[in-house]
Protein backbone atom coordinates (compact mmCIF):
# COMPACT_ATOMS: atom_id res chain seq x y z
CA MET A 1 -4.91 -8.84 -3.79
CA LYS A 2 -6.75 -9.58 -7.00
CA SER A 3 -5.30 -12.05 -9.43
CA ARG A 4 -3.84 -10.77 -12.63
CA SER A 5 -6.44 -12.61 -14.66
CA SER A 6 -9.22 -10.53 -13.12
CA LYS A 7 -7.73 -7.24 -14.32
CA LYS A 8 -7.69 -5.59 -17.71
CA ALA A 9 -4.73 -7.26 -19.39
CA VAL A 10 -2.15 -5.73 -21.69
CA ARG A 11 -0.85 -7.69 -24.66
CA GLU A 12 2.87 -7.93 -25.11
CA HIS A 13 5.38 -9.91 -27.14
CA ASP A 14 7.90 -12.02 -25.24
CA HIS A 15 11.28 -13.16 -26.60
CA SER A 16 9.69 -15.89 -28.72
CA HIS A 17 7.23 -13.34 -30.13
CA ARG A 18 4.27 -15.06 -28.49
CA ILE A 19 1.70 -12.81 -26.86
CA GLN A 20 1.69 -12.66 -23.06
CA GLU A 21 -0.85 -10.76 -21.00
CA TYR A 22 -0.53 -8.92 -17.70
CA SER A 23 -1.34 -5.61 -16.10
CA PRO A 24 0.24 -3.38 -13.45
CA GLU A 25 0.11 -4.89 -9.99
CA GLU A 26 -2.48 -3.48 -7.65
CA GLY A 27 -1.08 -1.12 -5.04
CA MET A 28 2.22 -0.51 -6.81
CA SER A 29 3.54 2.97 -6.40
CA LEU A 30 6.23 4.56 -8.52
CA GLY A 31 9.55 6.00 -7.38
CA GLU A 32 10.68 9.45 -8.51
CA LEU A 33 12.66 8.29 -11.56
CA GLU A 34 10.02 5.70 -12.43
CA GLN A 35 7.38 8.44 -12.35
CA ALA A 36 9.53 10.72 -14.54
CA ILE A 37 10.00 7.92 -17.08
CA MET A 38 6.30 7.05 -17.06
CA ASP A 39 5.40 10.74 -17.58
CA LEU A 40 7.76 10.78 -20.53
CA LEU A 41 6.28 7.60 -22.02
CA TRP A 42 2.73 8.85 -21.50
CA ASP A 43 3.64 12.10 -23.27
CA ALA A 44 5.37 10.32 -26.17
CA THR A 45 3.49 9.83 -29.42
CA GLU A 46 5.43 6.67 -30.28
CA PRO A 47 7.50 4.00 -28.50
CA GLN A 48 10.87 5.20 -27.18
CA THR A 49 14.32 3.61 -27.02
CA ALA A 50 16.30 3.81 -23.77
CA ASN A 51 18.55 6.44 -25.38
CA GLN A 52 15.53 8.54 -26.35
CA VAL A 53 14.21 8.24 -22.80
CA ARG A 54 17.58 9.35 -21.37
CA ASP A 55 17.83 12.26 -23.82
CA THR A 56 14.31 13.48 -22.99
CA LEU A 57 15.03 13.15 -19.26
CA ALA A 58 18.12 15.30 -19.82
CA GLU A 59 15.90 18.02 -21.29
CA ARG A 60 13.42 17.82 -18.40
CA GLN A 61 15.63 17.57 -15.34
CA GLU A 62 19.01 18.76 -14.10
CA ASN A 63 20.55 15.40 -13.29
CA THR A 64 20.64 13.04 -16.25
CA PRO A 65 20.73 9.38 -15.22
CA ALA A 66 23.23 7.06 -16.89
CA ILE A 67 21.91 4.87 -19.69
CA THR A 68 22.41 1.81 -17.45
CA THR A 69 20.16 3.40 -14.83
CA VAL A 70 17.50 4.15 -17.44
CA LEU A 71 17.67 0.56 -18.70
CA THR A 72 17.39 -0.78 -15.15
CA VAL A 73 14.34 1.38 -14.39
CA LEU A 74 12.69 0.50 -17.71
CA GLY A 75 13.29 -3.18 -16.90
CA ARG A 76 11.69 -2.78 -13.47
CA LEU A 77 8.71 -0.91 -14.93
CA HIS A 78 8.37 -3.71 -17.49
CA LYS A 79 8.40 -6.39 -14.75
CA LYS A 80 5.82 -4.41 -12.76
CA GLY A 81 3.57 -4.25 -15.84
CA PHE A 82 3.73 -0.51 -16.41
CA VAL A 83 5.80 -0.66 -19.60
CA VAL A 84 5.56 -2.71 -22.77
CA LYS A 85 8.92 -3.72 -24.24
CA ASP A 86 9.22 -4.53 -27.94
CA ASP A 87 11.94 -7.20 -28.13
CA ALA A 88 11.45 -7.63 -31.87
CA ARG A 89 13.25 -4.38 -32.67
CA ARG A 90 16.81 -3.29 -32.02
CA PRO A 91 17.29 -1.18 -30.07
CA HIS A 92 14.35 -2.27 -27.92
CA GLU A 93 11.45 0.17 -27.76
CA PHE A 94 9.35 0.93 -24.71
CA SER A 95 5.85 2.34 -24.33
CA ALA A 96 3.35 2.77 -21.52
CA ALA A 97 1.18 -0.31 -20.97
CA THR A 98 -1.83 1.80 -19.94
CA SER A 99 -2.82 5.44 -20.20
CA ARG A 100 -2.00 7.98 -17.50
CA GLU A 101 -5.74 8.22 -16.79
CA ASP A 102 -6.09 4.44 -16.32
CA HIS A 103 -3.09 4.48 -13.96
CA THR A 104 -4.62 7.33 -11.94
CA VAL A 105 -7.95 5.50 -11.74
CA GLN A 106 -6.13 2.40 -10.46
CA LEU A 107 -4.40 4.47 -7.77
CA LEU A 108 -7.72 6.03 -6.71
CA ASN A 109 -9.40 2.61 -6.63
CA ASP A 110 -6.53 1.19 -4.55
CA VAL A 111 -6.81 4.01 -2.00
CA LEU A 112 -10.59 3.86 -1.85
CA GLY A 113 -10.48 0.07 -1.64
CA SER A 114 -8.24 0.25 1.42
CA ALA A 115 -10.47 2.76 3.25
CA VAL A 116 -12.40 1.50 6.26
CA ASP A 117 -15.24 3.98 5.62
CA LYS A 118 -15.45 4.54 1.86
CA HIS A 119 -18.46 6.84 2.15
CA ALA A 120 -16.63 9.15 4.56
CA VAL A 121 -13.62 9.27 2.23
CA LEU A 122 -15.82 10.04 -0.78
CA ALA A 123 -17.73 12.71 1.17
CA ARG A 124 -14.51 14.45 2.21
CA PHE A 125 -13.09 14.20 -1.28
CA ILE A 126 -16.22 15.64 -2.92
CA GLY A 127 -16.45 18.31 -0.22
CA GLY A 128 -12.93 19.48 -0.99
CA ILE A 129 -12.99 19.69 -4.78
CA ASP A 130 -13.31 22.82 -6.86
CA PRO A 131 -16.92 23.81 -7.78
CA SER A 132 -16.24 23.27 -11.49
CA ASP A 133 -14.95 19.76 -10.74
CA ALA A 134 -18.05 19.12 -8.61
CA GLN A 135 -20.20 20.15 -11.56
CA ALA A 136 -18.28 17.75 -13.79
CA VAL A 137 -18.82 14.94 -11.27
CA ARG A 138 -22.57 15.70 -11.18
CA HIS A 139 -22.70 15.63 -14.98
CA LEU A 140 -20.78 12.36 -15.18
CA LEU A 141 -22.99 10.73 -12.55
CA SER A 142 -26.21 11.89 -14.22
CA SER A 143 -25.07 10.63 -17.63
CA ARG A 144 -24.02 7.30 -16.09
CA ASP A 145 -27.46 6.81 -14.55
CA LYS A 146 -29.34 7.39 -17.82
């Protein structure tokens, strides 16, 4: 596993308002409620309180978790490095530490990094994508090589 210092770090305030840096741990997957909360935070245009997260979850799903459950999950996501918590404000506000796209790239890199035959995995992946996505990949690769 790579050390945290070798990854793109996220700045965050701790209780003493000093800046601490960390990033999501490599290979960490999200549970169902964690994923729902991250989707909500990625969709949000500004940081959210736990109550705002719970209220938005209530709009999106049938079973609304208790506020204590939301706070527990937000705390776990914070410890894992997925969420930034602003302790300077009351109530505390939470936001995604990285973009949805950066998270997806990390997942793809983790899977590809664990493959015994990366070329075979890439070949099967490319062979199975939609023609318009294949065209986009060709375009991105050609612009990268320029």
